[in-house]
Amino acid sequence: MIAALLARAAGAAAESAAPEPAGTSSAVDALVFLLPAALALGGLFLWLFLRAVKAGQFDDLDDPPRRILEDD
């Protein structure tokens, strides 16, 4: 009885280890798409950040809050 259960379990394991049929996606296929997409988005945000720094967006962060509190 135990031998029959072990044989049945081994058969099920062999069936589940079978290669995927053609046309189905795997984790590697997802990485081929997601990795370049993530790198492109990271590069875009880096370019936007460097552009904002070059334009002076972050030059003076202390004076504007003080100017709000001052009377004209």
N, C-alpha and C. Protein backbone atom coordinates (compact mmCIF):
# COMPACT_ATOMS: atom_id res chain seq x y z
N MET A 1 0.81 -1.18 0.00
CA MET A 1 0.00 0.00 0.00
C MET A 1 0.87 1.26 0.00
N ILE A 2 1.88 1.31 0.84
CA ILE A 2 2.78 2.46 0.89
C ILE A 2 3.55 2.58 -0.41
N ALA A 3 3.94 1.45 -0.97
CA ALA A 3 4.67 1.47 -2.23
C ALA A 3 3.80 2.04 -3.35
N ALA A 4 2.51 1.72 -3.33
CA ALA A 4 1.60 2.25 -4.35
C ALA A 4 1.45 3.76 -4.20
N LEU A 5 1.36 4.24 -2.95
CA LEU A 5 1.26 5.69 -2.73
C LEU A 5 2.53 6.40 -3.16
N LEU A 6 3.69 5.80 -2.86
CA LEU A 6 4.96 6.40 -3.28
C LEU A 6 5.09 6.43 -4.79
N ALA A 7 4.65 5.36 -5.45
CA ALA A 7 4.71 5.32 -6.91
C ALA A 7 3.77 6.36 -7.52
N ARG A 8 2.60 6.51 -6.92
CA ARG A 8 1.65 7.51 -7.41
C ARG A 8 2.20 8.93 -7.22
N ALA A 9 2.83 9.19 -6.07
CA ALA A 9 3.43 10.50 -5.81
C ALA A 9 4.59 10.77 -6.76
N ALA A 10 5.39 9.75 -7.04
CA ALA A 10 6.51 9.92 -7.97
C ALA A 10 6.00 10.20 -9.37
N GLY A 11 4.90 9.56 -9.76
CA GLY A 11 4.31 9.81 -11.07
C GLY A 11 3.76 11.22 -11.17
N ALA A 12 3.15 11.71 -10.11
CA ALA A 12 2.61 13.07 -10.10
C ALA A 12 3.74 14.08 -10.14
N ALA A 13 4.85 13.79 -9.44
CA ALA A 13 5.99 14.71 -9.46
C ALA A 13 6.62 14.73 -10.85
N ALA A 14 6.68 13.61 -11.51
CA ALA A 14 7.25 13.57 -12.86
C ALA A 14 6.38 14.34 -13.84
N GLU A 15 5.06 14.26 -13.66
CA GLU A 15 4.17 14.99 -14.56
C GLU A 15 4.26 16.50 -14.33
N SER A 16 4.42 16.92 -13.07
CA SER A 16 4.49 18.35 -12.79
C SER A 16 5.83 18.94 -13.22
N ALA A 17 6.85 18.11 -13.36
CA ALA A 17 8.17 18.60 -13.77
C ALA A 17 8.31 18.64 -15.29
N ALA A 18 7.26 18.31 -16.01
CA ALA A 18 7.31 18.31 -17.47
C ALA A 18 7.50 19.74 -17.98
N PRO A 19 8.17 19.89 -19.11
CA PRO A 19 8.38 21.24 -19.66
C PRO A 19 7.06 21.87 -20.06
N GLU A 20 7.07 23.22 -20.04
CA GLU A 20 5.86 23.95 -20.40
C GLU A 20 5.61 23.83 -21.90
N PRO A 21 4.36 23.77 -22.29
CA PRO A 21 4.06 23.73 -23.72
C PRO A 21 4.47 25.04 -24.40
N ALA A 22 4.69 24.97 -25.68
CA ALA A 22 5.09 26.16 -26.44
C ALA A 22 3.98 27.20 -26.38
N GLY A 23 4.39 28.47 -26.29
CA GLY A 23 3.43 29.54 -26.29
C GLY A 23 3.06 30.03 -24.90
N THR A 24 3.49 29.35 -23.86
CA THR A 24 3.19 29.82 -22.51
C THR A 24 4.39 30.64 -22.02
N SER A 25 4.10 31.62 -21.17
CA SER A 25 5.17 32.48 -20.69
C SER A 25 5.74 31.92 -19.40
N SER A 26 6.95 32.31 -19.12
CA SER A 26 7.60 31.91 -17.89
C SER A 26 8.14 33.15 -17.20
N ALA A 27 8.77 32.96 -16.07
CA ALA A 27 9.31 34.09 -15.32
C ALA A 27 10.42 34.78 -16.10
N VAL A 28 11.18 34.03 -16.86
CA VAL A 28 12.26 34.63 -17.64
C VAL A 28 11.70 35.54 -18.73
N ASP A 29 10.60 35.14 -19.33
CA ASP A 29 9.97 35.98 -20.34
C ASP A 29 9.48 37.30 -19.74
N ALA A 30 8.98 37.23 -18.51
CA ALA A 30 8.53 38.45 -17.84
C ALA A 30 9.72 39.35 -17.54
N LEU A 31 10.84 38.76 -17.12
CA LEU A 31 12.02 39.57 -16.82
C LEU A 31 12.59 40.23 -18.06
N VAL A 32 12.49 39.57 -19.19
CA VAL A 32 12.98 40.15 -20.44
C VAL A 32 12.22 41.44 -20.76
N PHE A 33 10.97 41.50 -20.39
CA PHE A 33 10.18 42.72 -20.60
C PHE A 33 10.36 43.72 -19.46
N LEU A 34 10.29 43.23 -18.20
CA LEU A 34 10.26 44.12 -17.05
C LEU A 34 11.60 44.79 -16.76
N LEU A 35 12.69 44.09 -16.95
CA LEU A 35 13.99 44.68 -16.65
C LEU A 35 14.30 45.89 -17.53
N PRO A 36 14.18 45.82 -18.84
CA PRO A 36 14.41 47.03 -19.64
C PRO A 36 13.40 48.14 -19.34
N ALA A 37 12.16 47.77 -19.04
CA ALA A 37 11.17 48.79 -18.71
C ALA A 37 11.54 49.51 -17.42
N ALA A 38 12.00 48.78 -16.42
CA ALA A 38 12.40 49.39 -15.15
C ALA A 38 13.63 50.27 -15.34
N LEU A 39 14.59 49.81 -16.13
CA LEU A 39 15.78 50.62 -16.39
C LEU A 39 15.44 51.89 -17.16
N ALA A 40 14.53 51.78 -18.10
CA ALA A 40 14.13 52.96 -18.87
C ALA A 40 13.41 53.97 -17.98
N LEU A 41 12.52 53.51 -17.12
CA LEU A 41 11.83 54.43 -16.21
C LEU A 41 12.80 55.06 -15.22
N GLY A 42 13.74 54.28 -14.71
CA GLY A 42 14.74 54.83 -13.81
C GLY A 42 15.59 55.89 -14.49
N GLY A 43 15.98 55.62 -15.74
CA GLY A 43 16.75 56.60 -16.50
C GLY A 43 15.95 57.87 -16.77
N LEU A 44 14.67 57.72 -17.06
CA LEU A 44 13.82 58.88 -17.30
C LEU A 44 13.71 59.75 -16.05
N PHE A 45 13.47 59.13 -14.90
CA PHE A 45 13.36 59.90 -13.66
C PHE A 45 14.68 60.53 -13.27
N LEU A 46 15.79 59.85 -13.52
CA LEU A 46 17.10 60.44 -13.24
C LEU A 46 17.32 61.65 -14.13
N TRP A 47 16.98 61.56 -15.40
CA TRP A 47 17.13 62.68 -16.33
C TRP A 47 16.26 63.86 -15.89
N LEU A 48 15.01 63.58 -15.49
CA LEU A 48 14.14 64.65 -15.03
C LEU A 48 14.67 65.31 -13.76
N PHE A 49 15.21 64.53 -12.85
CA PHE A 49 15.77 65.08 -11.62
C PHE A 49 16.98 65.95 -11.92
N LEU A 50 17.88 65.46 -12.76
CA LEU A 50 19.07 66.25 -13.10
C LEU A 50 18.70 67.53 -13.84
N ARG A 51 17.67 67.46 -14.67
CA ARG A 51 17.19 68.65 -15.37
C ARG A 51 16.64 69.68 -14.39
N ALA A 52 15.92 69.23 -13.36
CA ALA A 52 15.38 70.14 -12.36
C ALA A 52 16.50 70.76 -11.52
N VAL A 53 17.53 69.98 -11.20
CA VAL A 53 18.66 70.52 -10.45
C VAL A 53 19.39 71.56 -11.28
N LYS A 54 19.59 71.28 -12.56
CA LYS A 54 20.29 72.23 -13.44
C LYS A 54 19.48 73.52 -13.62
N ALA A 55 18.16 73.42 -13.59
CA ALA A 55 17.31 74.59 -13.75
C ALA A 55 17.20 75.41 -12.47
N GLY A 56 17.78 74.93 -11.36
CA GLY A 56 17.74 75.69 -10.12
C GLY A 56 16.51 75.43 -9.28
N GLN A 57 15.83 74.36 -9.51
CA GLN A 57 14.61 74.06 -8.78
C GLN A 57 14.86 73.90 -7.28
N PHE A 58 16.03 73.42 -6.89
CA PHE A 58 16.31 73.13 -5.49
C PHE A 58 17.33 74.09 -4.88
N ASP A 59 17.54 75.26 -5.48
CA ASP A 59 18.58 76.17 -5.02
C ASP A 59 18.27 76.78 -3.66
N ASP A 60 17.09 77.33 -3.47
CA ASP A 60 16.78 78.07 -2.25
C ASP A 60 15.53 77.49 -1.60
N LEU A 61 15.73 76.64 -0.61
CA LEU A 61 14.58 76.02 0.05
C LEU A 61 14.22 76.70 1.36
N ASP A 62 15.05 77.66 1.85
CA ASP A 62 14.80 78.27 3.15
C ASP A 62 14.06 79.60 3.07
N ASP A 63 14.35 80.42 2.09
CA ASP A 63 13.77 81.76 2.03
C ASP A 63 12.28 81.81 1.71
N PRO A 64 11.73 81.03 0.80
CA PRO A 64 10.29 81.16 0.52
C PRO A 64 9.39 80.96 1.74
N PRO A 65 9.64 80.00 2.63
CA PRO A 65 8.76 79.92 3.82
C PRO A 65 8.89 81.13 4.72
N ARG A 66 10.08 81.72 4.80
CA ARG A 66 10.26 82.90 5.64
C ARG A 66 9.54 84.12 5.03
N ARG A 67 9.55 84.22 3.71
CA ARG A 67 8.90 85.35 3.04
C ARG A 67 7.39 85.32 3.25
N ILE A 68 6.82 84.15 3.39
CA ILE A 68 5.37 84.05 3.64
C ILE A 68 5.03 84.69 4.98
N LEU A 69 5.90 84.52 5.97
CA LEU A 69 5.62 85.00 7.31
C LEU A 69 5.93 86.49 7.49
N GLU A 70 6.70 87.07 6.62
CA GLU A 70 7.07 88.49 6.74
C GLU A 70 5.94 89.40 6.25
N ASP A 71 5.83 90.53 6.89
CA ASP A 71 4.85 91.53 6.46
C ASP A 71 5.44 92.35 5.32
N ASP A 72 4.59 92.80 4.45
CA ASP A 72 5.05 93.63 3.32
C ASP A 72 5.23 95.06 3.72
